[in-house]
Amino acid sequence: MGFKIIVDRNVYDPSTDTFLMADAILEHPRVGQAMELGTGCGILSLVASQMAENVFSYDTCVYSYRNAVKNVVVNGLRDKVHVFLGDGSNSPMVDLVIANPPYLPSGPLYKQDTLSCAWNGGPDGLRITLNMLEIARRKVRRGGSLLIVRSSTQDSDLFFDALRERGFEWSLVKRQSGFYERLEVYRCNRL
């Protein structure tokens, strides 16, 4: 897509889920304000800058925050992509939230390290996803959207019940099968 991307140590290296979400972002109608939760190296926020007037990027990991800032600067997008250390709960209201949460389940005794924060979704794979859904519910304007990645390793009933409870209706926009999971991107409209 013409971006120069640097991926620092201790930051999630963009993978299949990242590129699946990038395609979904580029197919989304233009918006004024977008927000990415869990920005990692910032690549999806850079992609979102192509279809949003402003992008607010959040990550709770200091390594990811620094990496995303670096990629915004390298790509000359400081006036359009704004990176913050935090979970996004203090963001202004937006038209679109982008979330590619850590979704893989871990065992109950899994020892967490810095890089596992990028993929470890907790024992059921939904711990971080549910937090992001709650932030999205509070920050997406009525009529706005959430684009979110879901893995077939997650409990589908819990995932869709959580969307319903937070006032979203959804449709599948992208799907890709791998050797041990199916990845899906949903566009969830706030009612």
Protein backbone atom coordinates (compact mmCIF):
# COMPACT_ATOMS: atom_id res chain seq x y z
CA MET A 1 0.00 0.00 0.00
CA GLY A 2 3.03 2.23 -0.26
CA PHE A 3 3.73 2.61 3.47
CA LYS A 4 7.10 2.10 5.05
CA ILE A 5 6.52 -0.12 8.10
CA ILE A 6 9.01 -0.68 10.89
CA VAL A 7 8.20 -3.44 13.39
CA ASP A 8 10.16 -3.13 16.62
CA ARG A 9 11.09 -5.94 18.97
CA ASN A 10 8.24 -6.84 21.36
CA VAL A 11 5.59 -5.66 18.85
CA TYR A 12 3.23 -7.93 16.89
CA ASP A 13 4.44 -8.49 13.34
CA PRO A 14 1.55 -7.84 10.90
CA SER A 15 0.07 -11.14 9.75
CA THR A 16 -2.94 -12.64 7.97
CA ASP A 17 -5.43 -11.04 10.37
CA THR A 18 -3.83 -7.62 9.85
CA PHE A 19 -4.06 -7.78 6.07
CA LEU A 20 -7.60 -9.15 6.15
CA MET A 21 -8.61 -6.15 8.28
CA ALA A 22 -6.70 -3.76 5.99
CA ASP A 23 -8.81 -4.96 3.05
CA ALA A 24 -12.00 -4.43 5.08
CA ILE A 25 -10.92 -0.90 6.02
CA LEU A 26 -10.24 0.04 2.40
CA GLU A 27 -13.71 -1.20 1.40
CA HIS A 28 -15.45 0.81 4.13
CA PRO A 29 -17.10 4.10 3.13
CA ARG A 30 -15.17 7.28 3.94
CA VAL A 31 -15.59 8.66 7.47
CA GLY A 32 -14.65 11.77 9.39
CA GLN A 33 -13.16 10.29 12.57
CA ALA A 34 -11.81 6.77 13.05
CA MET A 35 -10.21 5.09 16.04
CA GLU A 36 -8.07 1.98 16.25
CA LEU A 37 -7.93 -0.01 19.48
CA GLY A 38 -4.73 -2.02 19.98
CA THR A 39 -2.77 -0.35 17.20
CA GLY A 40 0.43 -2.41 17.50
CA CYS A 41 2.93 -1.06 14.96
CA GLY A 42 0.23 1.27 13.58
CA ILE A 43 -0.20 -0.25 10.13
CA LEU A 44 -4.03 -0.38 10.29
CA SER A 45 -4.20 3.25 11.41
CA LEU A 46 -2.05 4.18 8.43
CA VAL A 47 -4.44 2.27 6.16
CA ALA A 48 -7.41 4.00 7.83
CA SER A 49 -5.83 7.38 7.08
CA GLN A 50 -6.68 6.69 3.43
CA MET A 51 -10.42 6.73 4.18
CA ALA A 52 -10.76 8.89 7.32
CA GLU A 53 -10.08 12.57 7.94
CA ASN A 54 -8.49 11.79 11.33
CA VAL A 55 -7.43 8.57 13.03
CA PHE A 56 -6.95 8.17 16.78
CA SER A 57 -4.72 5.17 17.56
CA TYR A 58 -4.53 3.58 20.99
CA ASP A 59 -2.44 0.85 22.56
CA THR A 60 -1.84 -0.04 26.20
CA CYS A 61 1.65 -1.42 25.48
CA VAL A 62 4.40 1.19 25.57
CA TYR A 63 6.43 -0.73 22.96
CA SER A 64 3.52 -0.65 20.51
CA TYR A 65 2.80 3.00 21.26
CA ARG A 66 6.41 3.99 20.47
CA ASN A 67 6.46 1.81 17.35
CA ALA A 68 3.20 3.30 16.03
CA VAL A 69 4.47 6.85 16.60
CA LYS A 70 7.62 5.98 14.67
CA ASN A 71 5.61 4.63 11.70
CA VAL A 72 3.32 7.67 11.66
CA VAL A 73 6.35 9.98 11.54
CA VAL A 74 8.21 7.90 8.92
CA ASN A 75 5.13 8.01 6.67
CA GLY A 76 4.54 11.75 7.15
CA LEU A 77 1.07 11.38 8.68
CA ARG A 78 1.44 13.25 11.99
CA ASP A 79 -1.34 15.68 11.02
CA LYS A 80 -3.78 12.85 10.33
CA VAL A 81 -2.93 9.91 12.63
CA HIS A 82 -2.72 10.65 16.36
CA VAL A 83 -1.23 7.96 18.61
CA PHE A 84 -1.97 7.63 22.33
CA LEU A 85 -0.87 5.33 25.13
CA GLY A 86 -4.11 3.98 26.61
CA ASP A 87 -7.17 1.84 25.95
CA GLY A 88 -9.21 4.41 23.99
CA SER A 89 -11.76 5.08 26.72
CA ASN A 90 -10.84 8.79 26.68
CA SER A 91 -11.17 9.12 22.90
CA PRO A 92 -13.60 11.56 21.32
CA MET A 93 -16.69 10.09 19.64
CA VAL A 94 -15.89 8.57 16.23
CA ASP A 95 -17.64 7.25 13.14
CA LEU A 96 -15.59 4.05 12.96
CA VAL A 97 -13.73 1.87 15.46
CA ILE A 98 -11.17 -0.63 14.18
CA ALA A 99 -10.25 -3.55 16.46
CA ASN A 100 -8.00 -6.51 15.80
CA PRO A 101 -7.85 -7.74 19.41
CA PRO A 102 -5.66 -10.50 20.80
CA TYR A 103 -8.01 -13.44 20.27
CA LEU A 104 -6.13 -16.69 20.78
CA PRO A 105 -7.02 -18.58 23.96
CA SER A 106 -4.30 -19.35 26.47
CA GLY A 107 -4.20 -22.02 29.14
CA PRO A 108 -5.06 -21.04 32.72
CA LEU A 109 -1.43 -21.23 33.83
CA TYR A 110 0.06 -19.47 30.81
CA LYS A 111 3.00 -17.21 31.71
CA GLN A 112 2.48 -13.84 30.03
CA ASP A 113 5.40 -12.03 28.39
CA THR A 114 5.52 -8.74 26.48
CA LEU A 115 4.90 -10.14 23.01
CA SER A 116 2.12 -12.51 24.10
CA CYS A 117 0.01 -9.44 24.94
CA ALA A 118 -0.45 -9.10 21.16
CA TRP A 119 -2.10 -12.50 20.72
CA ASN A 120 -3.21 -13.78 24.14
CA GLY A 121 -6.95 -13.20 24.54
CA GLY A 122 -7.15 -14.96 27.91
CA PRO A 123 -8.48 -18.43 28.73
CA ASP A 124 -11.46 -18.10 26.35
CA GLY A 125 -9.82 -15.78 23.79
CA LEU A 126 -12.44 -13.11 24.51
CA ARG A 127 -11.06 -11.17 27.49
CA ILE A 128 -9.59 -8.29 25.45
CA THR A 129 -12.31 -8.48 22.78
CA LEU A 130 -15.06 -7.86 25.35
CA ASN A 131 -13.21 -4.83 26.74
CA MET A 132 -12.80 -3.41 23.23
CA LEU A 133 -16.49 -4.00 22.47
CA GLU A 134 -17.44 -2.01 25.56
CA ILE A 135 -15.17 0.90 24.56
CA ALA A 136 -16.56 0.78 21.02
CA ARG A 137 -20.13 0.88 22.38
CA ARG A 138 -19.33 4.11 24.24
CA LYS A 139 -17.27 5.78 21.49
CA VAL A 140 -19.03 4.96 18.18
CA ARG A 141 -21.64 7.53 17.21
CA ARG A 142 -25.14 6.23 16.49
CA GLY A 143 -25.11 5.10 12.88
CA GLY A 144 -21.34 4.51 13.08
CA SER A 145 -19.51 1.21 12.70
CA LEU A 146 -17.07 -1.16 14.32
CA LEU A 147 -14.79 -3.37 12.23
CA ILE A 148 -13.59 -6.28 14.34
CA VAL A 149 -11.61 -9.48 13.76
CA ARG A 150 -12.95 -12.74 15.21
CA SER A 151 -11.26 -16.13 15.27
CA SER A 152 -13.03 -19.48 15.07
CA THR A 153 -11.05 -20.37 18.22
CA GLN A 154 -13.36 -18.03 20.19
CA ASP A 155 -16.79 -19.00 21.52
CA SER A 156 -19.14 -17.68 18.83
CA ASP A 157 -22.20 -17.53 21.11
CA LEU A 158 -20.39 -15.33 23.65
CA PHE A 159 -19.01 -13.10 20.89
CA PHE A 160 -22.33 -12.50 19.14
CA ASP A 161 -24.24 -12.16 22.43
CA ALA A 162 -21.76 -9.45 23.46
CA LEU A 163 -22.35 -7.57 20.19
CA ARG A 164 -26.13 -7.81 20.60
CA GLU A 165 -26.00 -6.66 24.24
CA ARG A 166 -24.00 -3.59 23.23
CA GLY A 167 -26.47 -2.51 20.56
CA PHE A 168 -24.67 -3.63 17.41
CA GLU A 169 -26.03 -5.43 14.36
CA TRP A 170 -23.38 -7.14 12.27
CA SER A 171 -22.51 -8.62 8.93
CA LEU A 172 -19.54 -10.68 7.80
CA VAL A 173 -17.36 -8.70 5.37
CA LYS A 174 -14.18 -10.82 5.12
CA ARG A 175 -13.24 -14.43 5.82
CA GLN A 176 -10.06 -16.45 5.44
CA SER A 177 -9.27 -19.98 6.56
CA GLY A 178 -5.86 -21.03 7.82
CA PHE A 179 -4.44 -24.32 8.96
CA TYR A 180 -5.96 -24.21 12.48
CA GLU A 181 -8.51 -21.39 12.48
CA ARG A 182 -10.87 -19.32 10.38
CA LEU A 183 -10.50 -15.55 10.61
CA GLU A 184 -13.49 -13.29 10.06
CA VAL A 185 -13.97 -9.52 9.93
CA TYR A 186 -17.37 -8.18 10.92
CA ARG A 187 -18.82 -4.78 10.24
CA CYS A 188 -20.98 -3.96 13.24
CA ASN A 189 -23.35 -1.02 12.96
CA ARG A 190 -24.38 0.88 16.08
CA LEU A 191 -28.14 1.14 16.32
